[in-house]
Amino acid sequence: MKTKLFLTFIAGLFSLNSFAQKSTQEMAVYAEKKGNDYYLIRLAEGVEVPKVYVYSNGLIKPYKNYTELKEIVMDFPGMMTSNNSTKEELVSVMKKDNHFYEITSQRKDPKNFEKTTITVYEVVNNQKRIVEEYGSLIELMPTPYKDAIFIDTKK
């Protein structure tokens, strides 16, 4: 009996620990560079209003806490036009192994999300060079660059 209670107690602790470390996934939907800073807009699972982060001096931190999508669009109006555009748009940034990358997307057909090219640029001394180009998000998934688009965060 004492063993069952002890095991139940331990199982409860593991449940609380795993719940406390539960991660959620955010998807990078838009980014904008202002000066030397990047503003990253990410949509979390099951949330209607995206989160906005600023990447500055090598660190990503929350920028502002928005309560409505309209507030974000007021600060970043390019976000709305990028959805129906065929021009290349910045989506996210990533620092990996002392290399800095910009990830962009470009729709070939603004009405068809599946016809999107994802380009990964390495940025060195404000010069960009193409590292890889992918024909879709599906092609990006098995690469290390997917971490710039699909971000696991702790709740």
C-alpha atoms as a PDB file:
ATOM      1  CA  MET A   1       0.000   0.000   0.000  1.00  0.00           C
ATOM      2  CA  LYS A   2       2.794   2.413   0.931  1.00  0.00           C
ATOM      3  CA  THR A   3       4.600   1.529  -2.305  1.00  0.00           C
ATOM      4  CA  LYS A   4       1.498   2.341  -4.384  1.00  0.00           C
ATOM      5  CA  LEU A   5       1.125   5.707  -2.635  1.00  0.00           C
ATOM      6  CA  PHE A   6       4.813   6.437  -3.128  1.00  0.00           C
ATOM      7  CA  LEU A   7       4.656   5.532  -6.854  1.00  0.00           C
ATOM      8  CA  THR A   8       1.512   7.610  -7.286  1.00  0.00           C
ATOM      9  CA  PHE A   9       3.245  10.544  -5.618  1.00  0.00           C
ATOM     10  CA  ILE A  10       6.328  10.175  -7.883  1.00  0.00           C
ATOM     11  CA  ALA A  11       4.114   9.863 -10.980  1.00  0.00           C
ATOM     12  CA  GLY A  12       2.327  13.041  -9.915  1.00  0.00           C
ATOM     13  CA  LEU A  13       5.634  14.880  -9.603  1.00  0.00           C
ATOM     14  CA  PHE A  14       6.650  13.751 -13.088  1.00  0.00           C
ATOM     15  CA  SER A  15       3.296  14.905 -14.438  1.00  0.00           C
ATOM     16  CA  LEU A  16       3.710  18.335 -12.844  1.00  0.00           C
ATOM     17  CA  ASN A  17       7.277  18.570 -14.124  1.00  0.00           C
ATOM     18  CA  SER A  18       6.328  17.647 -17.685  1.00  0.00           C
ATOM     19  CA  PHE A  19       3.379  20.053 -17.555  1.00  0.00           C
ATOM     20  CA  ALA A  20       5.640  22.852 -16.336  1.00  0.00           C
ATOM     21  CA  GLN A  21       8.107  22.173 -19.172  1.00  0.00           C
ATOM     22  CA  LYS A  22       5.448  21.736 -21.825  1.00  0.00           C
ATOM     23  CA  SER A  23       6.491  23.475 -24.985  1.00  0.00           C
ATOM     24  CA  THR A  24       4.302  25.146 -27.521  1.00  0.00           C
ATOM     25  CA  GLN A  25       5.104  25.726 -31.128  1.00  0.00           C
ATOM     26  CA  GLU A  26       5.135  29.088 -32.841  1.00  0.00           C
ATOM     27  CA  MET A  27       5.338  29.624 -36.563  1.00  0.00           C
ATOM     28  CA  ALA A  28       7.203  32.582 -38.026  1.00  0.00           C
ATOM     29  CA  VAL A  29       4.773  34.458 -40.251  1.00  0.00           C
ATOM     30  CA  TYR A  30       6.502  37.781 -40.928  1.00  0.00           C
ATOM     31  CA  ALA A  31       9.631  39.721 -40.034  1.00  0.00           C
ATOM     32  CA  GLU A  32      10.738  43.263 -40.612  1.00  0.00           C
ATOM     33  CA  LYS A  33      14.123  44.897 -40.280  1.00  0.00           C
ATOM     34  CA  LYS A  34      14.261  48.398 -38.802  1.00  0.00           C
ATOM     35  CA  GLY A  35      17.773  49.751 -38.404  1.00  0.00           C
ATOM     36  CA  ASN A  36      19.890  46.949 -36.948  1.00  0.00           C
ATOM     37  CA  ASP A  37      16.943  45.230 -35.237  1.00  0.00           C
ATOM     38  CA  TYR A  38      14.627  42.554 -36.601  1.00  0.00           C
ATOM     39  CA  TYR A  39      10.986  42.422 -35.507  1.00  0.00           C
ATOM     40  CA  LEU A  40       9.706  38.860 -35.640  1.00  0.00           C
ATOM     41  CA  ILE A  41       5.997  38.087 -35.777  1.00  0.00           C
ATOM     42  CA  ARG A  42       5.120  34.537 -34.756  1.00  0.00           C
ATOM     43  CA  LEU A  43       1.790  32.814 -34.432  1.00  0.00           C
ATOM     44  CA  ALA A  44       1.429  30.298 -31.597  1.00  0.00           C
ATOM     45  CA  GLU A  45      -0.801  27.238 -31.794  1.00  0.00           C
ATOM     46  CA  GLY A  46      -4.384  27.963 -30.787  1.00  0.00           C
ATOM     47  CA  VAL A  47      -3.810  31.713 -30.399  1.00  0.00           C
ATOM     48  CA  GLU A  48      -5.457  34.351 -32.579  1.00  0.00           C
ATOM     49  CA  VAL A  49      -3.054  37.248 -31.938  1.00  0.00           C
ATOM     50  CA  PRO A  50       0.580  36.699 -32.980  1.00  0.00           C
ATOM     51  CA  LYS A  51       3.450  37.356 -30.593  1.00  0.00           C
ATOM     52  CA  VAL A  52       6.006  39.985 -31.565  1.00  0.00           C
ATOM     53  CA  TYR A  53       9.681  39.666 -30.683  1.00  0.00           C
ATOM     54  CA  VAL A  54      12.698  41.839 -31.346  1.00  0.00           C
ATOM     55  CA  TYR A  55      16.054  40.371 -32.336  1.00  0.00           C
ATOM     56  CA  SER A  56      18.683  42.845 -31.203  1.00  0.00           C
ATOM     57  CA  ASN A  57      22.383  42.402 -30.455  1.00  0.00           C
ATOM     58  CA  GLY A  58      22.124  38.624 -30.802  1.00  0.00           C
ATOM     59  CA  LEU A  59      19.162  38.210 -28.421  1.00  0.00           C
ATOM     60  CA  ILE A  60      15.485  37.534 -29.075  1.00  0.00           C
ATOM     61  CA  LYS A  61      13.131  39.023 -26.515  1.00  0.00           C
ATOM     62  CA  PRO A  62       9.433  39.920 -26.418  1.00  0.00           C
ATOM     63  CA  TYR A  63       8.776  43.290 -28.022  1.00  0.00           C
ATOM     64  CA  LYS A  64       5.232  44.257 -27.021  1.00  0.00           C
ATOM     65  CA  ASN A  65       2.214  42.423 -25.735  1.00  0.00           C
ATOM     66  CA  TYR A  66      -0.548  43.024 -28.291  1.00  0.00           C
ATOM     67  CA  THR A  67      -4.181  42.222 -27.602  1.00  0.00           C
ATOM     68  CA  GLU A  68      -5.534  42.639 -31.151  1.00  0.00           C
ATOM     69  CA  LEU A  69      -4.194  41.862 -34.603  1.00  0.00           C
ATOM     70  CA  LYS A  70      -5.117  45.400 -35.646  1.00  0.00           C
ATOM     71  CA  GLU A  71      -2.506  46.804 -33.228  1.00  0.00           C
ATOM     72  CA  ILE A  72       0.233  44.700 -34.840  1.00  0.00           C
ATOM     73  CA  VAL A  73      -0.815  45.747 -38.338  1.00  0.00           C
ATOM     74  CA  MET A  74      -0.642  49.403 -37.254  1.00  0.00           C
ATOM     75  CA  ASP A  75       2.994  48.916 -36.145  1.00  0.00           C
ATOM     76  CA  PHE A  76       3.905  46.610 -39.061  1.00  0.00           C
ATOM     77  CA  PRO A  77       1.681  47.476 -42.052  1.00  0.00           C
ATOM     78  CA  GLY A  78       3.845  45.433 -44.419  1.00  0.00           C
ATOM     79  CA  MET A  79       2.506  42.288 -42.774  1.00  0.00           C
ATOM     80  CA  MET A  80      -0.863  42.608 -44.509  1.00  0.00           C
ATOM     81  CA  THR A  81       0.495  43.298 -47.990  1.00  0.00           C
ATOM     82  CA  SER A  82       3.065  40.482 -47.755  1.00  0.00           C
ATOM     83  CA  ASN A  83       0.301  37.874 -47.641  1.00  0.00           C
ATOM     84  CA  ASN A  84      -0.910  38.736 -51.156  1.00  0.00           C
ATOM     85  CA  SER A  85       2.426  39.707 -52.657  1.00  0.00           C
ATOM     86  CA  THR A  86       4.694  37.921 -55.095  1.00  0.00           C
ATOM     87  CA  LYS A  87       7.776  39.786 -53.939  1.00  0.00           C
ATOM     88  CA  GLU A  88      10.318  38.247 -51.595  1.00  0.00           C
ATOM     89  CA  GLU A  89       9.444  38.851 -47.929  1.00  0.00           C
ATOM     90  CA  LEU A  90      11.516  38.387 -44.789  1.00  0.00           C
ATOM     91  CA  VAL A  91       9.987  35.697 -42.579  1.00  0.00           C
ATOM     92  CA  SER A  92      12.528  34.975 -39.854  1.00  0.00           C
ATOM     93  CA  VAL A  93      16.138  35.129 -38.730  1.00  0.00           C
ATOM     94  CA  MET A  94      18.349  32.523 -37.139  1.00  0.00           C
ATOM     95  CA  LYS A  95      21.755  32.408 -35.487  1.00  0.00           C
ATOM     96  CA  LYS A  96      23.368  28.992 -35.566  1.00  0.00           C
ATOM     97  CA  ASP A  97      27.014  28.059 -34.958  1.00  0.00           C
ATOM     98  CA  ASN A  98      28.188  31.693 -35.143  1.00  0.00           C
ATOM     99  CA  HIS A  99      26.444  32.155 -38.501  1.00  0.00           C
ATOM    100  CA  PHE A 100      23.518  34.510 -38.999  1.00  0.00           C
ATOM    101  CA  TYR A 101      20.749  33.673 -41.469  1.00  0.00           C
ATOM    102  CA  GLU A 102      17.756  35.474 -42.917  1.00  0.00           C
ATOM    103  CA  ILE A 103      14.905  33.293 -44.148  1.00  0.00           C
ATOM    104  CA  THR A 104      12.610  34.708 -46.811  1.00  0.00           C
ATOM    105  CA  SER A 105       9.588  33.481 -48.689  1.00  0.00           C
ATOM    106  CA  GLN A 106       8.283  34.379 -52.101  1.00  0.00           C
ATOM    107  CA  ARG A 107       4.961  33.301 -53.479  1.00  0.00           C
ATOM    108  CA  LYS A 108       4.850  32.504 -57.176  1.00  0.00           C
ATOM    109  CA  ASP A 109       1.064  32.772 -57.031  1.00  0.00           C
ATOM    110  CA  PRO A 110      -0.379  35.022 -54.271  1.00  0.00           C
ATOM    111  CA  LYS A 111      -3.553  32.934 -54.107  1.00  0.00           C
ATOM    112  CA  ASN A 112      -1.742  29.598 -53.742  1.00  0.00           C
ATOM    113  CA  PHE A 113       0.250  29.137 -50.512  1.00  0.00           C
ATOM    114  CA  GLU A 114       1.762  25.896 -51.826  1.00  0.00           C
ATOM    115  CA  LYS A 115       3.638  27.730 -54.592  1.00  0.00           C
ATOM    116  CA  THR A 116       6.092  29.385 -52.210  1.00  0.00           C
ATOM    117  CA  THR A 117       9.868  29.458 -52.482  1.00  0.00           C
ATOM    118  CA  ILE A 118      11.822  29.601 -49.220  1.00  0.00           C
ATOM    119  CA  THR A 119      15.326  31.078 -49.458  1.00  0.00           C
ATOM    120  CA  VAL A 120      17.982  30.927 -46.748  1.00  0.00           C
ATOM    121  CA  TYR A 121      20.617  33.662 -46.835  1.00  0.00           C
ATOM    122  CA  GLU A 122      23.756  33.826 -44.744  1.00  0.00           C
ATOM    123  CA  VAL A 123      24.495  37.396 -43.682  1.00  0.00           C
ATOM    124  CA  VAL A 124      28.143  38.360 -43.174  1.00  0.00           C
ATOM    125  CA  ASN A 125      29.239  42.014 -42.839  1.00  0.00           C
ATOM    126  CA  ASN A 126      25.842  43.151 -44.177  1.00  0.00           C
ATOM    127  CA  GLN A 127      26.391  41.057 -47.318  1.00  0.00           C
ATOM    128  CA  LYS A 128      23.871  38.309 -48.110  1.00  0.00           C
ATOM    129  CA  ARG A 129      24.645  35.109 -49.926  1.00  0.00           C
ATOM    130  CA  ILE A 130      22.156  32.372 -50.805  1.00  0.00           C
ATOM    131  CA  VAL A 131      22.795  29.192 -48.833  1.00  0.00           C
ATOM    132  CA  GLU A 132      19.793  27.127 -49.918  1.00  0.00           C
ATOM    133  CA  GLU A 133      16.538  27.535 -51.775  1.00  0.00           C
ATOM    134  CA  TYR A 134      13.512  25.323 -51.168  1.00  0.00           C
ATOM    135  CA  GLY A 135      10.428  24.925 -53.339  1.00  0.00           C
ATOM    136  CA  SER A 136       8.083  24.639 -50.356  1.00  0.00           C
ATOM    137  CA  LEU A 137       7.835  24.505 -46.581  1.00  0.00           C
ATOM    138  CA  ILE A 138       7.714  20.726 -46.869  1.00  0.00           C
ATOM    139  CA  GLU A 139      11.197  20.709 -48.436  1.00  0.00           C
ATOM    140  CA  LEU A 140      12.445  22.918 -45.586  1.00  0.00           C
ATOM    141  CA  MET A 141      11.154  20.581 -42.851  1.00  0.00           C
ATOM    142  CA  PRO A 142      14.041  18.052 -42.740  1.00  0.00           C
ATOM    143  CA  THR A 143      16.684  20.810 -42.662  1.00  0.00           C
ATOM    144  CA  PRO A 144      18.221  22.625 -39.682  1.00  0.00           C
ATOM    145  CA  TYR A 145      16.702  25.870 -41.011  1.00  0.00           C
ATOM    146  CA  LYS A 146      13.181  24.749 -40.085  1.00  0.00           C
ATOM    147  CA  ASP A 147      13.985  25.921 -36.540  1.00  0.00           C
ATOM    148  CA  ALA A 148      13.731  29.486 -37.828  1.00  0.00           C
ATOM    149  CA  ILE A 149      10.167  28.901 -39.055  1.00  0.00           C
ATOM    150  CA  PHE A 150       8.780  26.420 -36.508  1.00  0.00           C
ATOM    151  CA  ILE A 151       9.957  27.491 -33.071  1.00  0.00           C
ATOM    152  CA  ASP A 152       9.440  25.384 -29.943  1.00  0.00           C
ATOM    153  CA  THR A 153       9.049  27.571 -26.887  1.00  0.00           C
ATOM    154  CA  LYS A 154       8.441  26.764 -23.241  1.00  0.00           C
ATOM    155  CA  LYS A 155       5.143  27.939 -21.817  1.00  0.00           C
END
